[in-house]
Amino acid sequence: MPQTVEKSLQLDVGELTDAADDSPSGTASWGTDDETVATISWQYLPGRDGFLLRYTTSGGRRREPTDVSEFVELEYTSANFGGERPWFTCPDCRTRRGKLYKPPRRDRFRCRECHDLLYESQTYTSKLVEPFENVDRAKERVKQEGLTEDALRDYYEAQKEAAEVTNDRIADSDYSELVDDVEIPETFEAWARQLFEDIEQRLLGRHYLAYGQCEATAKSTGGRCRQPATGDHGKCYYHGGADDVGAPEGNQNAAVVDGE
């Protein structure tokens, strides 16, 4: 997993220089009210205009703790409303930085770029999970607002983004030839048409499970209809099964067979 800013110890140049105005030396600690997880000692050296940092690393797996003593220079730029603004000089890249970081598996305080740190929002996990959380939120909106165009468009865009993430992961995996891509219609209109067709088929499928196939003989083909019947009268929607038609008497699309 990548190292992140949020999981690193951070030194803020403003906080440290403010503390140095009151005392030439001190400590910086990290943790909670109940537990301190890390502490360093610092000393401001006026002659060199910078901070001497002293601390002991925690070591780690197959590593011994290490005593670190390192000097970090300061430099300044003009502030907008007068005076000067202090900056750390990163000991590695020598650029001006407002903060220095020490990730869990690193021994020194350096800038974000030198440690190649990401923000949590940039990590693989966040990129993977967020689109699917957006799908869930869009689905809840549809439930609350109903099948409005805005809610459905929101749902469509969320599903499309989630599909792109899924397909990217499939392409990067060792099983890309065995797994089909997730397909989402290119336009909202095509997606909405497919959605309502699916809804209709599901409703018809329920009728089929309950009442079987339509028993009418279609005028157009002369054969049995075989669409799902919508009631115990044995007719589909088009051959007299609609509620406002009255089956089977109102069956206008079915041929008369054997005098029926």
Protein backbone atom coordinates (compact mmCIF):
# COMPACT_ATOMS: atom_id res chain seq x y z
CA MET A 1 0.00 0.00 0.00
CA PRO A 2 1.27 3.54 -0.70
CA GLN A 3 2.44 5.79 2.11
CA THR A 4 0.01 8.61 2.83
CA VAL A 5 0.19 12.12 4.26
CA GLU A 6 -2.51 11.34 6.81
CA LYS A 7 -0.54 8.43 8.34
CA SER A 8 2.74 10.33 8.54
CA LEU A 9 4.20 12.44 11.35
CA GLN A 10 4.06 16.08 10.27
CA LEU A 11 6.21 19.06 11.21
CA ASP A 12 4.62 22.44 10.47
CA VAL A 13 7.11 25.28 10.05
CA GLY A 14 4.67 27.85 11.41
CA GLU A 15 4.00 25.90 14.58
CA LEU A 16 7.69 25.22 15.17
CA THR A 17 8.86 28.80 14.63
CA ASP A 18 6.06 30.10 16.87
CA ALA A 19 7.22 27.72 19.60
CA ALA A 20 10.82 28.86 19.10
CA ASP A 21 9.77 32.48 19.80
CA ASP A 22 8.97 31.38 23.36
CA SER A 23 11.84 28.94 23.90
CA PRO A 24 14.93 27.95 21.88
CA SER A 25 14.21 24.26 22.39
CA GLY A 26 11.33 21.93 23.03
CA THR A 27 9.56 18.77 21.94
CA ALA A 28 6.90 17.88 19.41
CA SER A 29 4.55 14.98 20.10
CA TRP A 30 1.91 13.06 18.18
CA GLY A 31 -0.93 10.92 19.41
CA THR A 32 -4.15 11.34 21.36
CA ASP A 33 -5.03 12.64 24.80
CA ASP A 34 -4.68 9.10 26.12
CA GLU A 35 -1.60 7.94 24.25
CA THR A 36 1.54 9.49 22.77
CA VAL A 37 2.78 7.59 19.73
CA ALA A 38 5.89 9.63 18.87
CA THR A 39 8.02 12.45 20.29
CA ILE A 40 11.00 14.39 18.92
CA SER A 41 13.25 17.03 20.45
CA TRP A 42 14.06 20.20 18.56
CA GLN A 43 16.45 23.08 19.10
CA TYR A 44 16.56 26.37 17.21
CA LEU A 45 20.13 27.40 16.30
CA PRO A 46 20.21 31.17 15.61
CA GLY A 47 23.70 31.13 14.07
CA ARG A 48 22.60 28.62 11.44
CA ASP A 49 18.96 29.79 11.33
CA GLY A 50 17.36 26.40 11.47
CA PHE A 51 16.24 23.52 13.65
CA LEU A 52 18.24 20.59 14.95
CA LEU A 53 15.92 17.59 15.21
CA ARG A 54 16.73 14.67 17.50
CA TYR A 55 14.68 11.49 17.86
CA THR A 56 14.90 7.72 17.94
CA THR A 57 13.19 5.67 15.26
CA SER A 58 11.04 2.77 16.35
CA GLY A 59 12.96 0.34 14.18
CA GLY A 60 10.59 -2.29 12.90
CA ARG A 61 10.66 -5.77 11.57
CA ARG A 62 14.29 -6.99 11.50
CA ARG A 63 15.48 -3.42 12.16
CA GLU A 64 17.11 -1.92 15.21
CA PRO A 65 16.00 1.49 16.59
CA THR A 66 18.16 4.32 15.26
CA ASP A 67 19.14 7.62 16.88
CA VAL A 68 18.70 10.45 14.40
CA SER A 69 20.18 13.94 14.63
CA GLU A 70 19.51 16.16 11.61
CA PHE A 71 19.57 19.87 10.88
CA VAL A 72 16.81 21.53 8.84
CA GLU A 73 17.50 25.01 7.49
CA LEU A 74 14.98 27.83 7.25
CA GLU A 75 14.49 30.31 4.44
CA TYR A 76 12.06 33.17 4.04
CA THR A 77 9.79 34.91 1.56
CA SER A 78 8.01 38.25 1.85
CA ALA A 79 4.53 38.05 3.34
CA ASN A 80 1.60 39.82 1.67
CA PHE A 81 0.97 42.14 4.61
CA GLY A 82 4.56 42.81 5.59
CA GLY A 83 7.18 40.78 7.35
CA GLU A 84 8.53 37.44 6.26
CA ARG A 85 7.12 33.94 6.00
CA PRO A 86 9.39 31.08 7.12
CA TRP A 87 9.83 27.83 5.21
CA PHE A 88 11.63 24.58 5.85
CA THR A 89 14.32 23.64 3.34
CA CYS A 90 13.85 19.96 2.56
CA PRO A 91 17.22 18.28 3.36
CA ASP A 92 17.02 16.17 0.19
CA CYS A 93 15.58 18.24 -2.65
CA ARG A 94 16.41 21.66 -1.11
CA THR A 95 13.01 23.14 -1.99
CA ARG A 96 10.91 25.40 0.24
CA ARG A 97 8.27 23.48 2.17
CA GLY A 98 5.67 24.44 4.75
CA LYS A 99 5.62 20.90 6.16
CA LEU A 100 7.94 17.94 6.45
CA TYR A 101 6.75 14.35 6.92
CA LYS A 102 8.00 11.08 8.37
CA PRO A 103 5.96 8.09 7.16
CA PRO A 104 5.78 4.96 9.37
CA ARG A 105 8.45 3.04 7.46
CA ARG A 106 10.87 5.93 6.90
CA ASP A 107 13.51 7.32 9.27
CA ARG A 108 13.76 10.99 8.21
CA PHE A 109 11.56 14.04 7.88
CA ARG A 110 11.32 15.03 4.24
CA CYS A 111 8.86 16.78 1.94
CA ARG A 112 5.85 15.02 0.47
CA GLU A 113 7.44 14.63 -2.96
CA CYS A 114 10.70 13.15 -1.63
CA HIS A 115 8.73 10.54 0.31
CA ASP A 116 6.36 10.05 -2.65
CA LEU A 117 3.37 10.48 -0.36
CA LEU A 118 -0.24 10.41 -1.47
CA TYR A 119 -3.32 11.81 0.19
CA GLU A 120 -5.86 9.21 1.29
CA SER A 121 -8.21 10.44 -1.45
CA GLN A 122 -5.56 9.52 -4.04
CA THR A 123 -4.96 5.97 -2.90
CA TYR A 124 -6.03 2.89 -4.81
CA THR A 125 -8.57 1.91 -2.14
CA SER A 126 -10.37 5.25 -2.28
CA LYS A 127 -10.39 5.30 -6.07
CA LEU A 128 -11.84 1.81 -6.12
CA VAL A 129 -14.49 2.23 -3.44
CA GLU A 130 -15.77 5.76 -4.08
CA PRO A 131 -17.54 5.05 -7.43
CA PHE A 132 -19.56 2.24 -5.86
CA GLU A 133 -20.46 4.43 -2.90
CA ASN A 134 -21.72 6.97 -5.45
CA VAL A 135 -23.89 4.24 -7.01
CA ASP A 136 -25.42 3.51 -3.61
CA ARG A 137 -26.12 7.19 -3.00
CA ALA A 138 -27.68 7.60 -6.45
CA LYS A 139 -29.84 4.53 -5.89
CA GLU A 140 -31.11 5.98 -2.60
CA ARG A 141 -31.96 9.21 -4.42
CA VAL A 142 -34.08 7.27 -6.92
CA LYS A 143 -35.86 5.55 -4.06
CA GLN A 144 -36.60 8.89 -2.41
CA GLU A 145 -37.49 10.96 -5.50
CA GLY A 146 -38.93 8.26 -7.73
CA LEU A 147 -38.14 7.78 -11.42
CA THR A 148 -37.41 11.45 -12.14
CA GLU A 149 -35.07 12.32 -14.99
CA ASP A 150 -32.51 14.03 -12.74
CA ALA A 151 -32.39 11.14 -10.29
CA LEU A 152 -32.09 8.57 -13.08
CA ARG A 153 -29.34 10.57 -14.82
CA ASP A 154 -27.43 10.69 -11.55
CA TYR A 155 -27.83 6.91 -11.19
CA TYR A 156 -26.72 6.35 -14.80
CA GLU A 157 -23.57 8.47 -14.45
CA ALA A 158 -22.65 6.70 -11.19
CA GLN A 159 -23.11 3.27 -12.77
CA LYS A 160 -21.04 4.28 -15.78
CA GLU A 161 -18.15 5.47 -13.59
CA ALA A 162 -18.27 2.28 -11.50
CA ALA A 163 -18.22 0.19 -14.68
CA GLU A 164 -15.12 2.03 -15.92
CA VAL A 165 -13.30 1.33 -12.65
CA THR A 166 -14.33 -2.33 -12.78
CA ASN A 167 -13.22 -2.73 -16.39
CA ASP A 168 -9.86 -1.08 -15.64
CA ARG A 169 -9.28 -3.57 -12.84
CA ILE A 170 -10.26 -6.46 -15.13
CA ALA A 171 -7.82 -5.25 -17.79
CA ASP A 172 -5.00 -5.06 -15.23
CA SER A 173 -5.69 -8.51 -13.79
CA ASP A 174 -4.36 -11.91 -14.82
CA TYR A 175 -7.89 -13.00 -15.73
CA SER A 176 -8.75 -10.34 -18.30
CA GLU A 177 -9.29 -12.96 -21.02
CA LEU A 178 -11.69 -14.92 -18.83
CA VAL A 179 -13.90 -12.11 -17.52
CA ASP A 180 -16.22 -10.02 -19.67
CA ASP A 181 -16.27 -6.25 -19.32
CA VAL A 182 -19.22 -4.60 -17.61
CA GLU A 183 -21.24 -2.96 -20.38
CA ILE A 184 -23.21 0.24 -19.81
CA PRO A 185 -25.06 1.93 -22.71
CA GLU A 186 -23.19 4.93 -24.08
CA THR A 187 -26.11 7.35 -23.73
CA PHE A 188 -28.56 8.01 -20.94
CA GLU A 189 -31.48 7.56 -23.35
CA ALA A 190 -30.35 4.08 -24.35
CA TRP A 191 -29.73 3.15 -20.72
CA ALA A 192 -33.18 4.42 -19.64
CA ARG A 193 -34.88 2.51 -22.48
CA GLN A 194 -33.10 -0.68 -21.43
CA LEU A 195 -34.01 -0.06 -17.79
CA PHE A 196 -37.72 0.22 -18.49
CA GLU A 197 -37.63 -2.78 -20.82
CA ASP A 198 -36.05 -4.78 -18.00
CA ILE A 199 -38.73 -3.60 -15.59
CA GLU A 200 -41.45 -4.63 -18.02
CA GLN A 201 -39.90 -8.06 -18.55
CA ARG A 202 -39.65 -8.61 -14.81
CA LEU A 203 -43.32 -7.76 -14.38
CA LEU A 204 -44.28 -10.06 -17.24
CA GLY A 205 -42.10 -12.76 -15.77
CA ARG A 206 -44.05 -12.58 -12.53
CA HIS A 207 -47.28 -13.03 -14.45
CA TYR A 208 -45.79 -16.02 -16.25
CA LEU A 209 -44.89 -17.69 -12.98
CA ALA A 210 -48.41 -17.13 -11.66
CA TYR A 211 -50.57 -17.77 -14.75
CA GLY A 212 -48.45 -19.43 -17.44
CA GLN A 213 -48.62 -18.62 -21.19
CA CYS A 214 -51.33 -16.77 -23.09
CA GLU A 215 -53.85 -19.20 -24.59
CA ALA A 216 -55.00 -16.87 -27.39
CA THR A 217 -54.34 -17.50 -31.06
CA ALA A 218 -52.85 -14.39 -32.61
CA LYS A 219 -54.51 -13.00 -35.75
CA SER A 220 -51.16 -11.95 -37.19
CA THR A 221 -49.52 -15.37 -37.06
CA GLY A 222 -52.33 -17.84 -36.64
CA GLY A 223 -50.33 -19.50 -33.85
CA ARG A 224 -50.62 -19.52 -30.12
CA CYS A 225 -49.39 -16.28 -28.56
CA ARG A 226 -47.33 -17.80 -25.70
CA GLN A 227 -46.72 -14.39 -24.01
CA PRO A 228 -47.04 -14.47 -20.20
CA ALA A 229 -50.68 -14.41 -19.18
CA THR A 230 -51.70 -11.55 -16.86
CA GLY A 231 -54.45 -13.39 -14.99
CA ASP A 232 -56.25 -16.68 -14.46
CA HIS A 233 -58.26 -15.99 -17.64
CA GLY A 234 -55.22 -17.22 -19.56
CA LYS A 235 -54.66 -14.12 -21.73
CA CYS A 236 -51.71 -11.75 -22.08
CA TYR A 237 -51.93 -7.97 -21.97
CA TYR A 238 -52.35 -7.63 -25.73
CA HIS A 239 -54.95 -10.39 -26.15
CA GLY A 240 -57.46 -9.27 -23.59
CA GLY A 241 -55.53 -9.44 -20.37
CA ALA A 242 -55.35 -5.69 -19.77
CA ASP A 243 -57.31 -4.49 -16.77
CA ASP A 244 -59.29 -1.96 -18.80
CA VAL A 245 -60.12 -4.39 -21.60
CA GLY A 246 -61.82 -7.16 -19.73
CA ALA A 247 -60.54 -10.59 -20.58
CA PRO A 248 -61.38 -12.66 -22.40
CA GLU A 249 -64.46 -10.86 -23.80
CA GLY A 250 -62.58 -7.79 -24.98
CA ASN A 251 -59.95 -9.74 -26.85
CA GLN A 252 -59.65 -7.79 -30.12
CA ASN A 253 -56.26 -9.16 -31.24
CA ALA A 254 -56.99 -12.86 -30.96
CA ALA A 255 -58.48 -15.02 -33.69
CA VAL A 256 -61.70 -16.93 -33.07
CA VAL A 257 -60.91 -20.64 -32.76
CA ASP A 258 -63.56 -23.38 -32.71
CA GLY A 259 -66.33 -20.86 -32.29
CA GLU A 260 -64.81 -19.23 -29.19
